[in-house]
Amino acid sequence: MGSVRYKHLNNITRQIWEWCENRHIFIVASCINTRDNLSRL
């Protein structure tokens, strides 16, 4: 978690993170190439 631009979104993210952590669920963020993402439509 880097710098905070939108505090309300950071709070939601923290809640999701803690919910997952309490249940031993590991989440990862990844980048999808725009071209690959559009081809799924």
Protein backbone atom coordinates (compact mmCIF):
# COMPACT_ATOMS: atom_id res chain seq x y z
CA MET A 1 0.00 0.00 0.00
CA GLY A 2 1.59 3.20 -1.15
CA SER A 3 0.61 6.81 -0.68
CA VAL A 4 -3.05 7.65 -0.16
CA ARG A 5 -4.80 9.76 -2.76
CA TYR A 6 -8.40 8.80 -1.93
CA LYS A 7 -8.77 8.10 1.77
CA HIS A 8 -12.20 6.41 1.47
CA LEU A 9 -10.87 3.92 -1.10
CA ASN A 10 -7.87 3.21 1.09
CA ASN A 11 -10.21 2.45 4.00
CA ILE A 12 -12.23 -0.01 1.89
CA THR A 13 -9.03 -1.65 0.66
CA ARG A 14 -7.78 -2.02 4.22
CA GLN A 15 -11.07 -3.64 5.29
CA ILE A 16 -10.89 -6.14 2.42
CA TRP A 17 -7.24 -6.87 3.22
CA GLU A 18 -8.00 -7.50 6.91
CA TRP A 19 -11.05 -9.67 6.07
CA CYS A 20 -8.90 -11.85 3.81
CA GLU A 21 -6.02 -11.94 6.27
CA ASN A 22 -8.32 -13.16 9.08
CA ARG A 23 -9.45 -16.02 6.83
CA HIS A 24 -5.94 -16.88 5.57
CA ILE A 25 -6.88 -15.79 2.04
CA PHE A 26 -4.06 -14.27 0.01
CA ILE A 27 -4.87 -11.74 -2.70
CA VAL A 28 -2.61 -10.34 -5.40
CA ALA A 29 -2.99 -7.43 -7.76
CA SER A 30 -1.85 -7.82 -11.34
CA CYS A 31 -1.83 -5.69 -14.44
CA ILE A 32 -3.70 -6.80 -17.56
CA ASN A 33 -2.48 -5.40 -20.87
CA THR A 34 -5.18 -3.10 -22.32
CA ARG A 35 -5.16 -4.94 -25.63
CA ASP A 36 -5.64 -8.31 -23.92
CA ASN A 37 -8.37 -6.93 -21.70
CA LEU A 38 -10.33 -5.44 -24.63
CA SER A 39 -10.12 -8.69 -26.60
CA ARG A 40 -12.22 -10.38 -23.90
CA LEU A 41 -15.33 -8.31 -24.84
